[in-house]
Amino acid sequence: MEVFAKYLAGIDNPDHRNRTEEIFAWVANKFPNLEPQIKWNKPTFTDHGTYIIMFAAAKNHLSILPEEKTMVHFADEIAQAGYSASSRLFRIQWTEPVNYELLEKIIEFNIKDKADNSKFWRQ
């Protein structure tokens, strides 16, 4: 994904960069209708102009930002997956496996929940 090339190049650790690229490729392959964009200097996927999910690489983890409503909806599953979380994001440590099943459910939830949303953020 060319749109994320500069962002990925800025991740110093090659293992972290490769893992992040794999996750982005998985999202793009699984959800080909989502549009990859850079928003606020972070890789973001949108659907019909509305925010679906954002990612942010950090030293020790990859942050997943699906919006607060989604975090509340999936709080138990995020905790069961062993991920640390705040009200707006959860963190996948570089040493932890990616729970793609959970990530898929989160993205599907946002796509369905925001199907009639005409704004970038939830109303």
N, C-alpha and C. Protein backbone atom coordinates (compact mmCIF):
# COMPACT_ATOMS: atom_id res chain seq x y z
N MET A 1 0.83 -1.18 0.00
CA MET A 1 0.00 0.00 0.00
C MET A 1 0.87 1.24 0.00
N GLU A 2 0.88 1.87 -1.12
CA GLU A 2 1.74 3.04 -1.32
C GLU A 2 1.42 4.16 -0.33
N VAL A 3 0.15 4.32 0.01
CA VAL A 3 -0.26 5.42 0.90
C VAL A 3 0.41 5.32 2.28
N PHE A 4 0.77 4.12 2.71
CA PHE A 4 1.39 3.93 4.01
C PHE A 4 2.91 3.80 3.94
N ALA A 5 3.50 3.88 2.76
CA ALA A 5 4.93 3.63 2.57
C ALA A 5 5.80 4.54 3.42
N LYS A 6 5.53 5.82 3.44
CA LYS A 6 6.33 6.77 4.22
C LYS A 6 6.20 6.48 5.71
N TYR A 7 4.99 6.20 6.16
CA TYR A 7 4.78 5.88 7.57
C TYR A 7 5.58 4.64 7.96
N LEU A 8 5.46 3.60 7.15
CA LEU A 8 6.17 2.35 7.43
C LEU A 8 7.68 2.56 7.43
N ALA A 9 8.18 3.36 6.52
CA ALA A 9 9.61 3.63 6.44
C ALA A 9 10.12 4.33 7.70
N GLY A 10 9.23 5.01 8.41
CA GLY A 10 9.60 5.71 9.64
C GLY A 10 9.66 4.81 10.86
N ILE A 11 9.28 3.55 10.74
CA ILE A 11 9.37 2.60 11.86
C ILE A 11 10.77 2.00 11.81
N ASP A 12 11.60 2.36 12.77
CA ASP A 12 13.02 2.00 12.76
C ASP A 12 13.28 0.50 12.85
N ASN A 13 12.56 -0.17 13.73
CA ASN A 13 12.80 -1.60 13.93
C ASN A 13 12.20 -2.38 12.76
N PRO A 14 13.04 -3.12 12.01
CA PRO A 14 12.52 -3.83 10.84
C PRO A 14 11.47 -4.89 11.18
N ASP A 15 11.58 -5.54 12.34
CA ASP A 15 10.56 -6.52 12.74
C ASP A 15 9.22 -5.84 12.99
N HIS A 16 9.25 -4.68 13.65
CA HIS A 16 8.02 -3.93 13.92
C HIS A 16 7.42 -3.42 12.62
N ARG A 17 8.28 -2.93 11.73
CA ARG A 17 7.82 -2.43 10.43
C ARG A 17 7.16 -3.55 9.63
N ASN A 18 7.79 -4.71 9.58
CA ASN A 18 7.23 -5.84 8.83
C ASN A 18 5.91 -6.30 9.41
N ARG A 19 5.83 -6.36 10.73
CA ARG A 19 4.58 -6.80 11.37
C ARG A 19 3.46 -5.80 11.11
N THR A 20 3.77 -4.53 11.19
CA THR A 20 2.77 -3.49 10.92
C THR A 20 2.30 -3.58 9.47
N GLU A 21 3.23 -3.76 8.57
CA GLU A 21 2.89 -3.90 7.15
C GLU A 21 2.00 -5.13 6.91
N GLU A 22 2.29 -6.22 7.61
CA GLU A 22 1.46 -7.43 7.50
C GLU A 22 0.03 -7.16 7.97
N ILE A 23 -0.11 -6.43 9.07
CA ILE A 23 -1.44 -6.12 9.59
C ILE A 23 -2.20 -5.23 8.61
N PHE A 24 -1.54 -4.22 8.06
CA PHE A 24 -2.19 -3.35 7.08
C PHE A 24 -2.62 -4.15 5.85
N ALA A 25 -1.75 -5.04 5.39
CA ALA A 25 -2.07 -5.86 4.21
C ALA A 25 -3.25 -6.77 4.52
N TRP A 26 -3.30 -7.31 5.74
CA TRP A 26 -4.42 -8.17 6.13
C TRP A 26 -5.72 -7.37 6.08
N VAL A 27 -5.72 -6.17 6.66
CA VAL A 27 -6.93 -5.33 6.65
C VAL A 27 -7.35 -5.04 5.21
N ALA A 28 -6.41 -4.63 4.37
CA ALA A 28 -6.72 -4.28 2.99
C ALA A 28 -7.25 -5.49 2.21
N ASN A 29 -6.71 -6.66 2.48
CA ASN A 29 -7.15 -7.88 1.80
C ASN A 29 -8.53 -8.33 2.29
N LYS A 30 -8.72 -8.27 3.60
CA LYS A 30 -9.97 -8.74 4.22
C LYS A 30 -11.12 -7.76 3.95
N PHE A 31 -10.79 -6.48 3.87
CA PHE A 31 -11.80 -5.43 3.68
C PHE A 31 -11.40 -4.53 2.51
N PRO A 32 -11.49 -5.06 1.29
CA PRO A 32 -11.02 -4.29 0.13
C PRO A 32 -11.80 -3.01 -0.16
N ASN A 33 -12.98 -2.87 0.42
CA ASN A 33 -13.77 -1.65 0.21
C ASN A 33 -13.31 -0.49 1.09
N LEU A 34 -12.49 -0.77 2.10
CA LEU A 34 -12.00 0.30 2.96
C LEU A 34 -10.91 1.08 2.23
N GLU A 35 -10.90 2.37 2.47
CA GLU A 35 -9.90 3.24 1.83
C GLU A 35 -8.77 3.53 2.81
N PRO A 36 -7.53 3.15 2.45
CA PRO A 36 -6.39 3.49 3.31
C PRO A 36 -6.02 4.96 3.13
N GLN A 37 -5.81 5.65 4.24
CA GLN A 37 -5.46 7.07 4.23
C GLN A 37 -4.54 7.36 5.41
N ILE A 38 -3.82 8.45 5.32
CA ILE A 38 -3.08 8.96 6.46
C ILE A 38 -3.90 10.12 7.03
N LYS A 39 -4.26 10.01 8.31
CA LYS A 39 -4.99 11.05 9.03
C LYS A 39 -4.24 11.32 10.33
N TRP A 40 -3.96 12.58 10.61
CA TRP A 40 -3.23 12.94 11.82
C TRP A 40 -1.90 12.16 11.89
N ASN A 41 -1.28 12.00 10.74
CA ASN A 41 0.01 11.30 10.61
C ASN A 41 -0.06 9.83 11.01
N LYS A 42 -1.25 9.24 10.96
CA LYS A 42 -1.41 7.83 11.34
C LYS A 42 -2.18 7.07 10.25
N PRO A 43 -1.81 5.82 10.02
CA PRO A 43 -2.54 4.99 9.06
C PRO A 43 -3.98 4.76 9.52
N THR A 44 -4.89 5.04 8.62
CA THR A 44 -6.33 5.01 8.91
C THR A 44 -7.05 4.32 7.76
N PHE A 45 -8.09 3.58 8.10
CA PHE A 45 -8.97 3.01 7.08
C PHE A 45 -10.34 3.63 7.25
N THR A 46 -10.93 4.08 6.13
CA THR A 46 -12.25 4.71 6.15
C THR A 46 -13.20 3.96 5.22
N ASP A 47 -14.47 4.20 5.41
CA ASP A 47 -15.52 3.63 4.57
C ASP A 47 -16.51 4.75 4.27
N HIS A 48 -16.75 5.03 3.03
CA HIS A 48 -17.62 6.11 2.56
C HIS A 48 -17.37 7.41 3.32
N GLY A 49 -16.09 7.70 3.55
CA GLY A 49 -15.71 8.95 4.21
C GLY A 49 -15.83 8.94 5.72
N THR A 50 -16.15 7.81 6.31
CA THR A 50 -16.26 7.73 7.77
C THR A 50 -15.15 6.86 8.35
N TYR A 51 -14.68 7.26 9.50
CA TYR A 51 -13.60 6.60 10.20
C TYR A 51 -13.99 5.17 10.60
N ILE A 52 -13.10 4.21 10.30
CA ILE A 52 -13.34 2.83 10.73
C ILE A 52 -12.29 2.40 11.75
N ILE A 53 -11.01 2.59 11.43
CA ILE A 53 -9.96 2.18 12.36
C ILE A 53 -8.66 2.90 12.03
N MET A 54 -7.86 3.14 13.08
CA MET A 54 -6.57 3.81 12.94
C MET A 54 -5.53 3.00 13.70
N PHE A 55 -4.28 3.11 13.26
CA PHE A 55 -3.18 2.41 13.89
C PHE A 55 -2.06 3.39 14.22
N ALA A 56 -1.29 3.08 15.26
CA ALA A 56 -0.16 3.92 15.62
C ALA A 56 0.95 3.04 16.21
N ALA A 57 2.09 3.04 15.55
CA ALA A 57 3.23 2.26 16.03
C ALA A 57 3.95 3.02 17.13
N ALA A 58 4.30 2.31 18.19
CA ALA A 58 5.05 2.88 19.30
C ALA A 58 6.25 1.96 19.59
N LYS A 59 7.07 2.37 20.52
CA LYS A 59 8.29 1.61 20.82
C LYS A 59 8.00 0.16 21.20
N ASN A 60 7.00 -0.05 22.06
CA ASN A 60 6.74 -1.38 22.61
C ASN A 60 5.48 -2.06 22.07
N HIS A 61 4.71 -1.35 21.25
CA HIS A 61 3.44 -1.91 20.82
C HIS A 61 2.90 -1.21 19.58
N LEU A 62 1.84 -1.80 19.03
CA LEU A 62 1.03 -1.16 17.98
C LEU A 62 -0.31 -0.83 18.61
N SER A 63 -0.68 0.43 18.57
CA SER A 63 -1.98 0.85 19.10
C SER A 63 -3.03 0.70 18.03
N ILE A 64 -4.21 0.22 18.45
CA ILE A 64 -5.37 0.07 17.58
C ILE A 64 -6.43 1.02 18.11
N LEU A 65 -6.91 1.92 17.27
CA LEU A 65 -7.85 2.96 17.69
C LEU A 65 -9.16 2.81 16.92
N PRO A 66 -10.14 2.10 17.49
CA PRO A 66 -11.40 1.88 16.77
C PRO A 66 -12.56 2.81 17.16
N GLU A 67 -12.35 3.81 17.97
CA GLU A 67 -13.33 4.74 18.53
C GLU A 67 -13.87 4.20 19.87
N GLU A 68 -14.26 5.14 20.70
CA GLU A 68 -14.65 4.81 22.08
C GLU A 68 -15.84 3.86 22.15
N LYS A 69 -16.88 4.07 21.35
CA LYS A 69 -18.06 3.20 21.38
C LYS A 69 -17.65 1.75 21.12
N THR A 70 -16.76 1.56 20.17
CA THR A 70 -16.31 0.21 19.83
C THR A 70 -15.46 -0.38 20.95
N MET A 71 -14.65 0.46 21.58
CA MET A 71 -13.86 -0.01 22.72
C MET A 71 -14.77 -0.52 23.85
N VAL A 72 -15.84 0.22 24.12
CA VAL A 72 -16.79 -0.20 25.15
C VAL A 72 -17.45 -1.52 24.75
N HIS A 73 -17.88 -1.62 23.49
CA HIS A 73 -18.57 -2.81 22.99
C HIS A 73 -17.68 -4.06 23.10
N PHE A 74 -16.39 -3.91 22.84
CA PHE A 74 -15.48 -5.06 22.82
C PHE A 74 -14.55 -5.12 24.03
N ALA A 75 -14.84 -4.38 25.08
CA ALA A 75 -13.95 -4.30 26.24
C ALA A 75 -13.60 -5.68 26.80
N ASP A 76 -14.59 -6.54 26.97
CA ASP A 76 -14.33 -7.86 27.54
C ASP A 76 -13.45 -8.71 26.62
N GLU A 77 -13.74 -8.68 25.33
CA GLU A 77 -12.95 -9.48 24.38
C GLU A 77 -11.52 -8.96 24.27
N ILE A 78 -11.35 -7.65 24.34
CA ILE A 78 -10.01 -7.07 24.30
C ILE A 78 -9.23 -7.51 25.53
N ALA A 79 -9.87 -7.47 26.69
CA ALA A 79 -9.23 -7.92 27.93
C ALA A 79 -8.91 -9.41 27.87
N GLN A 80 -9.85 -10.22 27.36
CA GLN A 80 -9.62 -11.67 27.24
C GLN A 80 -8.46 -11.98 26.31
N ALA A 81 -8.25 -11.12 25.32
CA ALA A 81 -7.13 -11.32 24.39
C ALA A 81 -5.80 -10.96 25.04
N GLY A 82 -5.87 -10.33 26.22
CA GLY A 82 -4.66 -9.98 26.95
C GLY A 82 -4.06 -8.64 26.57
N TYR A 83 -4.83 -7.82 25.86
CA TYR A 83 -4.32 -6.53 25.44
C TYR A 83 -4.61 -5.46 26.49
N SER A 84 -3.65 -4.57 26.72
CA SER A 84 -3.90 -3.43 27.59
C SER A 84 -4.72 -2.42 26.79
N ALA A 85 -5.51 -1.63 27.50
CA ALA A 85 -6.42 -0.72 26.80
C ALA A 85 -6.67 0.54 27.60
N SER A 86 -7.10 1.57 26.89
CA SER A 86 -7.62 2.79 27.49
C SER A 86 -9.02 2.98 26.92
N SER A 87 -9.62 4.13 27.12
CA SER A 87 -10.99 4.33 26.63
C SER A 87 -11.07 4.41 25.11
N ARG A 88 -9.97 4.71 24.44
CA ARG A 88 -10.02 4.93 22.99
C ARG A 88 -9.13 4.01 22.17
N LEU A 89 -8.31 3.18 22.84
CA LEU A 89 -7.41 2.33 22.09
C LEU A 89 -7.01 1.10 22.89
N PHE A 90 -6.49 0.11 22.15
CA PHE A 90 -5.84 -1.02 22.81
C PHE A 90 -4.50 -1.25 22.16
N ARG A 91 -3.63 -1.93 22.89
CA ARG A 91 -2.25 -2.08 22.47
C ARG A 91 -1.89 -3.55 22.27
N ILE A 92 -1.30 -3.82 21.11
CA ILE A 92 -0.76 -5.15 20.85
C ILE A 92 0.75 -5.04 20.99
N GLN A 93 1.28 -5.64 22.04
CA GLN A 93 2.73 -5.62 22.23
C GLN A 93 3.41 -6.31 21.05
N TRP A 94 4.58 -5.86 20.70
CA TRP A 94 5.30 -6.47 19.58
C TRP A 94 5.57 -7.95 19.82
N THR A 95 5.61 -8.36 21.08
CA THR A 95 5.89 -9.76 21.42
C THR A 95 4.62 -10.61 21.51
N GLU A 96 3.44 -10.00 21.38
CA GLU A 96 2.17 -10.72 21.47
C GLU A 96 1.64 -11.08 20.09
N PRO A 97 0.88 -12.17 20.02
CA PRO A 97 0.25 -12.49 18.74
C PRO A 97 -0.90 -11.52 18.44
N VAL A 98 -1.18 -11.35 17.16
CA VAL A 98 -2.31 -10.52 16.73
C VAL A 98 -3.55 -11.40 16.71
N ASN A 99 -4.58 -10.97 17.42
CA ASN A 99 -5.85 -11.68 17.41
C ASN A 99 -6.66 -11.16 16.22
N TYR A 100 -6.43 -11.79 15.06
CA TYR A 100 -7.08 -11.32 13.84
C TYR A 100 -8.59 -11.53 13.88
N GLU A 101 -9.04 -12.53 14.59
CA GLU A 101 -10.48 -12.75 14.71
C GLU A 101 -11.14 -11.56 15.41
N LEU A 102 -10.52 -11.09 16.48
CA LEU A 102 -11.03 -9.93 17.20
C LEU A 102 -10.94 -8.68 16.33
N LEU A 103 -9.83 -8.49 15.67
CA LEU A 103 -9.66 -7.33 14.80
C LEU A 103 -10.73 -7.31 13.70
N GLU A 104 -11.02 -8.47 13.14
CA GLU A 104 -12.05 -8.57 12.12
C GLU A 104 -13.42 -8.19 12.68
N LYS A 105 -13.75 -8.67 13.87
CA LYS A 105 -15.04 -8.35 14.49
C LYS A 105 -15.16 -6.85 14.77
N ILE A 106 -14.08 -6.24 15.20
CA ILE A 106 -14.08 -4.81 15.50
C ILE A 106 -14.31 -4.00 14.22
N ILE A 107 -13.62 -4.35 13.16
CA ILE A 107 -13.77 -3.63 11.90
C ILE A 107 -15.18 -3.84 11.34
N GLU A 108 -15.66 -5.07 11.36
CA GLU A 108 -17.02 -5.35 10.88
C GLU A 108 -18.06 -4.57 11.68
N PHE A 109 -17.89 -4.51 12.99
CA PHE A 109 -18.80 -3.76 13.84
C PHE A 109 -18.85 -2.30 13.41
N ASN A 110 -17.67 -1.69 13.22
CA ASN A 110 -17.64 -0.28 12.84
C ASN A 110 -18.26 -0.05 11.47
N ILE A 111 -17.99 -0.94 10.53
CA ILE A 111 -18.58 -0.79 9.19
C ILE A 111 -20.10 -0.83 9.28
N LYS A 112 -20.65 -1.81 10.00
CA LYS A 112 -22.11 -1.93 10.12
C LYS A 112 -22.72 -0.79 10.92
N ASP A 113 -22.08 -0.48 12.06
CA ASP A 113 -22.62 0.55 12.94
C ASP A 113 -22.60 1.93 12.30
N LYS A 114 -21.66 2.15 11.39
CA LYS A 114 -21.51 3.47 10.78
C LYS A 114 -22.00 3.50 9.33
N ALA A 115 -22.74 2.49 8.93
CA ALA A 115 -23.21 2.39 7.54
C ALA A 115 -24.01 3.62 7.10
N ASP A 116 -24.79 4.18 8.00
CA ASP A 116 -25.61 5.35 7.66
C ASP A 116 -25.00 6.66 8.16
N ASN A 117 -23.77 6.58 8.66
CA ASN A 117 -23.11 7.77 9.18
C ASN A 117 -22.57 8.60 8.02
N SER A 118 -22.86 9.87 8.02
CA SER A 118 -22.40 10.73 6.93
C SER A 118 -21.23 11.62 7.33
N LYS A 119 -20.79 11.50 8.56
CA LYS A 119 -19.67 12.29 9.08
C LYS A 119 -18.47 11.38 9.31
N PHE A 120 -17.31 11.98 9.48
CA PHE A 120 -16.09 11.21 9.72
C PHE A 120 -16.18 10.45 11.05
N TRP A 121 -16.59 11.17 12.11
CA TRP A 121 -16.71 10.57 13.45
C TRP A 121 -18.17 10.18 13.71
N ARG A 122 -18.39 9.32 14.69
CA ARG A 122 -19.75 8.96 15.09
C ARG A 122 -20.49 10.20 15.57
N GLN A 123 -21.78 10.20 15.33
CA GLN A 123 -22.62 11.33 15.74
C GLN A 123 -23.34 11.01 17.03
